[in-house]
Amino acid sequence: MGRHENPLDPGAGPVEYFAAELRALRRSAGSPVYRAMAAKVHTSASSLSAAASGTRPPTLPVTLAYVRACGGDEAEWTARWQDLTRSLAPVPVPPPPPAPPPPLPAWRAWAAWALAAGALGAAAALGRGSRRQVSRPAPGSAATAARR
């Protein structure tokens, strides 16, 4: 006789619940040993045992081999396995908003200020002549004659 299986808490999560259901199927088939089940469906006994351990979800081929070995309905268990995998699918999380740009280092902020101050200073220095002066052609020049 093989080892006793560790107890499961079906309320602990979907994987444990699924494993408990697989064990119930095995009990309804007369509790065959895993080696006999494995020989019947050409799958390893350790894979079948792991499917009912509740530690991680079994693959679909292993689940169906377990079900076949116990004489269960493969279509029903395919739907159960799909429900299990859907319940374990991660919920999509929206990406976080982009981070604000890092602050300028002190020297860069100073440099930006100095450049702006320099530009303002240059404009102020040229301010006396920075107004646009409209020059008129001298009387009697060719430009004056062309305007007439």
C-alpha atoms as a PDB file:
ATOM      1  CA  MET A   1       0.000   0.000   0.000  1.00  0.00           C
ATOM      2  CA  GLY A   2       1.264   3.509  -0.865  1.00  0.00           C
ATOM      3  CA  ARG A   3       1.711   6.497   1.368  1.00  0.00           C
ATOM      4  CA  HIS A   4      -1.245   8.421   2.669  1.00  0.00           C
ATOM      5  CA  GLU A   5      -1.891  11.684   0.913  1.00  0.00           C
ATOM      6  CA  ASN A   6      -1.539  14.926   2.823  1.00  0.00           C
ATOM      7  CA  PRO A   7      -4.867  16.448   3.833  1.00  0.00           C
ATOM      8  CA  LEU A   8      -6.225  19.245   1.660  1.00  0.00           C
ATOM      9  CA  ASP A   9      -8.243  22.308   2.573  1.00  0.00           C
ATOM     10  CA  PRO A  10     -10.615  22.860  -0.376  1.00  0.00           C
ATOM     11  CA  GLY A  11     -11.386  26.328   0.952  1.00  0.00           C
ATOM     12  CA  ALA A  12      -7.725  27.390   0.761  1.00  0.00           C
ATOM     13  CA  GLY A  13      -7.921  28.257  -2.933  1.00  0.00           C
ATOM     14  CA  PRO A  14      -8.862  27.063  -6.397  1.00  0.00           C
ATOM     15  CA  VAL A  15      -5.863  24.722  -6.801  1.00  0.00           C
ATOM     16  CA  GLU A  16      -6.600  22.922  -3.524  1.00  0.00           C
ATOM     17  CA  TYR A  17     -10.287  22.708  -4.418  1.00  0.00           C
ATOM     18  CA  PHE A  18      -9.467  21.215  -7.824  1.00  0.00           C
ATOM     19  CA  ALA A  19      -7.117  18.671  -6.210  1.00  0.00           C
ATOM     20  CA  ALA A  20      -9.794  17.714  -3.679  1.00  0.00           C
ATOM     21  CA  GLU A  21     -12.216  17.112  -6.540  1.00  0.00           C
ATOM     22  CA  LEU A  22      -9.650  14.923  -8.317  1.00  0.00           C
ATOM     23  CA  ARG A  23      -9.209  12.912  -5.114  1.00  0.00           C
ATOM     24  CA  ALA A  24     -12.986  12.526  -4.813  1.00  0.00           C
ATOM     25  CA  LEU A  25     -13.063  11.189  -8.379  1.00  0.00           C
ATOM     26  CA  ARG A  26     -10.324   8.705  -7.486  1.00  0.00           C
ATOM     27  CA  ARG A  27     -12.239   7.557  -4.379  1.00  0.00           C
ATOM     28  CA  SER A  28     -15.391   7.073  -6.510  1.00  0.00           C
ATOM     29  CA  ALA A  29     -13.310   4.845  -8.820  1.00  0.00           C
ATOM     30  CA  GLY A  30     -12.373   2.590  -5.868  1.00  0.00           C
ATOM     31  CA  SER A  31      -9.147   4.402  -4.822  1.00  0.00           C
ATOM     32  CA  PRO A  32      -6.784   2.720  -7.281  1.00  0.00           C
ATOM     33  CA  VAL A  33      -3.081   3.122  -6.515  1.00  0.00           C
ATOM     34  CA  TYR A  34      -1.213   5.641  -8.635  1.00  0.00           C
ATOM     35  CA  ARG A  35       1.018   2.967 -10.207  1.00  0.00           C
ATOM     36  CA  ALA A  36      -2.042   1.104 -11.512  1.00  0.00           C
ATOM     37  CA  MET A  37      -3.543   4.379 -12.782  1.00  0.00           C
ATOM     38  CA  ALA A  38      -0.242   5.290 -14.460  1.00  0.00           C
ATOM     39  CA  ALA A  39       0.025   1.914 -16.198  1.00  0.00           C
ATOM     40  CA  LYS A  40      -3.535   2.275 -17.458  1.00  0.00           C
ATOM     41  CA  VAL A  41      -3.026   5.721 -19.056  1.00  0.00           C
ATOM     42  CA  HIS A  42       0.735   5.596 -19.820  1.00  0.00           C
ATOM     43  CA  THR A  43       1.630   8.518 -17.559  1.00  0.00           C
ATOM     44  CA  SER A  44       4.001   8.580 -14.602  1.00  0.00           C
ATOM     45  CA  ALA A  45       2.595   7.850 -11.171  1.00  0.00           C
ATOM     46  CA  SER A  46       4.388  10.910  -9.780  1.00  0.00           C
ATOM     47  CA  SER A  47       2.610  13.186 -12.286  1.00  0.00           C
ATOM     48  CA  LEU A  48      -0.765  11.778 -11.295  1.00  0.00           C
ATOM     49  CA  SER A  49       0.051  12.096  -7.617  1.00  0.00           C
ATOM     50  CA  ALA A  50       1.243  15.681  -8.066  1.00  0.00           C
ATOM     51  CA  ALA A  51      -2.007  16.548  -9.863  1.00  0.00           C
ATOM     52  CA  ALA A  52      -3.947  15.678  -6.699  1.00  0.00           C
ATOM     53  CA  SER A  53      -1.448  17.213  -4.257  1.00  0.00           C
ATOM     54  CA  GLY A  54      -2.883  20.734  -4.421  1.00  0.00           C
ATOM     55  CA  THR A  55       0.541  22.375  -4.472  1.00  0.00           C
ATOM     56  CA  ARG A  56       0.279  23.650  -8.042  1.00  0.00           C
ATOM     57  CA  PRO A  57      -2.227  23.339 -10.868  1.00  0.00           C
ATOM     58  CA  PRO A  58      -1.805  20.258 -13.045  1.00  0.00           C
ATOM     59  CA  THR A  59      -1.451  20.510 -16.795  1.00  0.00           C
ATOM     60  CA  LEU A  60      -4.448  19.625 -18.941  1.00  0.00           C
ATOM     61  CA  PRO A  61      -2.868  16.406 -20.317  1.00  0.00           C
ATOM     62  CA  VAL A  62      -2.101  15.149 -16.792  1.00  0.00           C
ATOM     63  CA  THR A  63      -5.585  16.107 -15.600  1.00  0.00           C
ATOM     64  CA  LEU A  64      -7.185  14.219 -18.478  1.00  0.00           C
ATOM     65  CA  ALA A  65      -4.955  11.176 -17.879  1.00  0.00           C
ATOM     66  CA  TYR A  66      -6.036  11.196 -14.203  1.00  0.00           C
ATOM     67  CA  VAL A  67      -9.685  11.452 -15.253  1.00  0.00           C
ATOM     68  CA  ARG A  68      -9.317   8.668 -17.837  1.00  0.00           C
ATOM     69  CA  ALA A  69      -7.666   6.404 -15.258  1.00  0.00           C
ATOM     70  CA  CYS A  70     -10.628   6.946 -12.939  1.00  0.00           C
ATOM     71  CA  GLY A  71     -13.288   6.598 -15.643  1.00  0.00           C
ATOM     72  CA  GLY A  72     -14.429  10.238 -15.427  1.00  0.00           C
ATOM     73  CA  ASP A  73     -15.931  12.480 -18.092  1.00  0.00           C
ATOM     74  CA  GLU A  74     -13.074  14.173 -19.964  1.00  0.00           C
ATOM     75  CA  ALA A  75     -15.240  16.982 -21.393  1.00  0.00           C
ATOM     76  CA  GLU A  76     -16.495  17.897 -17.915  1.00  0.00           C
ATOM     77  CA  TRP A  77     -12.964  17.910 -16.484  1.00  0.00           C
ATOM     78  CA  THR A  78     -11.635  19.928 -19.423  1.00  0.00           C
ATOM     79  CA  ALA A  79     -14.200  22.601 -18.560  1.00  0.00           C
ATOM     80  CA  ARG A  80     -13.246  22.385 -14.866  1.00  0.00           C
ATOM     81  CA  TRP A  81      -9.553  22.725 -15.727  1.00  0.00           C
ATOM     82  CA  GLN A  82     -10.284  25.755 -17.934  1.00  0.00           C
ATOM     83  CA  ASP A  83     -12.240  27.337 -15.070  1.00  0.00           C
ATOM     84  CA  LEU A  84      -9.255  26.702 -12.803  1.00  0.00           C
ATOM     85  CA  THR A  85      -6.774  28.323 -15.175  1.00  0.00           C
ATOM     86  CA  ARG A  86      -9.079  31.326 -15.689  1.00  0.00           C
ATOM     87  CA  SER A  87      -9.363  31.793 -11.936  1.00  0.00           C
ATOM     88  CA  LEU A  88      -5.570  31.740 -11.643  1.00  0.00           C
ATOM     89  CA  ALA A  89      -4.971  34.204 -14.489  1.00  0.00           C
ATOM     90  CA  PRO A  90      -3.464  37.423 -13.219  1.00  0.00           C
ATOM     91  CA  VAL A  91      -5.705  40.452 -13.262  1.00  0.00           C
ATOM     92  CA  PRO A  92      -4.254  43.023 -15.656  1.00  0.00           C
ATOM     93  CA  VAL A  93      -2.899  46.016 -13.793  1.00  0.00           C
ATOM     94  CA  PRO A  94      -2.772  49.337 -15.620  1.00  0.00           C
ATOM     95  CA  PRO A  95       0.720  50.719 -15.990  1.00  0.00           C
ATOM     96  CA  PRO A  96       1.682  53.401 -13.512  1.00  0.00           C
ATOM     97  CA  PRO A  97       1.675  56.993 -14.738  1.00  0.00           C
ATOM     98  CA  PRO A  98       5.000  58.223 -16.024  1.00  0.00           C
ATOM     99  CA  ALA A  99       7.283  59.662 -13.399  1.00  0.00           C
ATOM    100  CA  PRO A 100       7.846  63.398 -13.452  1.00  0.00           C
ATOM    101  CA  PRO A 101      11.189  64.473 -14.832  1.00  0.00           C
ATOM    102  CA  PRO A 102      13.883  64.714 -12.198  1.00  0.00           C
ATOM    103  CA  PRO A 103      14.663  68.195 -10.922  1.00  0.00           C
ATOM    104  CA  LEU A 104      17.547  70.005 -12.524  1.00  0.00           C
ATOM    105  CA  PRO A 105      20.778  69.836 -10.602  1.00  0.00           C
ATOM    106  CA  ALA A 106      21.568  73.090  -8.811  1.00  0.00           C
ATOM    107  CA  TRP A 107      24.296  74.064 -11.266  1.00  0.00           C
ATOM    108  CA  ARG A 108      21.958  73.549 -14.233  1.00  0.00           C
ATOM    109  CA  ALA A 109      19.244  75.664 -12.650  1.00  0.00           C
ATOM    110  CA  TRP A 110      21.851  78.351 -11.985  1.00  0.00           C
ATOM    111  CA  ALA A 111      23.165  78.078 -15.542  1.00  0.00           C
ATOM    112  CA  ALA A 112      19.655  78.440 -16.957  1.00  0.00           C
ATOM    113  CA  TRP A 113      19.098  81.491 -14.758  1.00  0.00           C
ATOM    114  CA  ALA A 114      22.447  82.995 -15.742  1.00  0.00           C
ATOM    115  CA  LEU A 115      21.751  82.484 -19.440  1.00  0.00           C
ATOM    116  CA  ALA A 116      18.335  84.061 -19.094  1.00  0.00           C
ATOM    117  CA  ALA A 117      19.756  86.961 -17.087  1.00  0.00           C
ATOM    118  CA  GLY A 118      22.529  87.398 -19.624  1.00  0.00           C
ATOM    119  CA  ALA A 119      20.065  87.466 -22.471  1.00  0.00           C
ATOM    120  CA  LEU A 120      17.928  89.986 -20.626  1.00  0.00           C
ATOM    121  CA  GLY A 121      21.001  92.046 -19.781  1.00  0.00           C
ATOM    122  CA  ALA A 122      22.108  92.059 -23.393  1.00  0.00           C
ATOM    123  CA  ALA A 123      18.636  93.082 -24.509  1.00  0.00           C
ATOM    124  CA  ALA A 124      18.603  95.827 -21.896  1.00  0.00           C
ATOM    125  CA  ALA A 125      22.015  97.039 -22.952  1.00  0.00           C
ATOM    126  CA  LEU A 126      20.853  97.137 -26.530  1.00  0.00           C
ATOM    127  CA  GLY A 127      17.477  98.419 -25.427  1.00  0.00           C
ATOM    128  CA  ARG A 128      18.309 101.948 -26.329  1.00  0.00           C
ATOM    129  CA  GLY A 129      18.815 100.961 -29.886  1.00  0.00           C
ATOM    130  CA  SER A 130      16.565  97.952 -29.860  1.00  0.00           C
ATOM    131  CA  ARG A 131      13.517  99.934 -30.868  1.00  0.00           C
ATOM    132  CA  ARG A 132      12.928  99.606 -34.483  1.00  0.00           C
ATOM    133  CA  GLN A 133      13.728 102.887 -36.144  1.00  0.00           C
ATOM    134  CA  VAL A 134      12.181 103.600 -39.422  1.00  0.00           C
ATOM    135  CA  SER A 135      14.498 105.585 -41.577  1.00  0.00           C
ATOM    136  CA  ARG A 136      13.221 107.728 -44.339  1.00  0.00           C
ATOM    137  CA  PRO A 137      15.101 108.231 -47.507  1.00  0.00           C
ATOM    138  CA  ALA A 138      16.756 111.550 -47.835  1.00  0.00           C
ATOM    139  CA  PRO A 139      14.893 114.076 -49.917  1.00  0.00           C
ATOM    140  CA  GLY A 140      15.990 114.026 -53.481  1.00  0.00           C
ATOM    141  CA  SER A 141      17.269 110.462 -53.398  1.00  0.00           C
ATOM    142  CA  ALA A 142      16.272 107.781 -55.887  1.00  0.00           C
ATOM    143  CA  ALA A 143      14.082 106.067 -53.280  1.00  0.00           C
ATOM    144  CA  THR A 144      12.094 109.275 -52.814  1.00  0.00           C
ATOM    145  CA  ALA A 145      11.589 109.576 -56.537  1.00  0.00           C
ATOM    146  CA  ALA A 146      10.359 105.980 -56.754  1.00  0.00           C
ATOM    147  CA  ARG A 147       7.715 106.614 -54.084  1.00  0.00           C
ATOM    148  CA  ARG A 148       6.120 109.380 -56.089  1.00  0.00           C
END
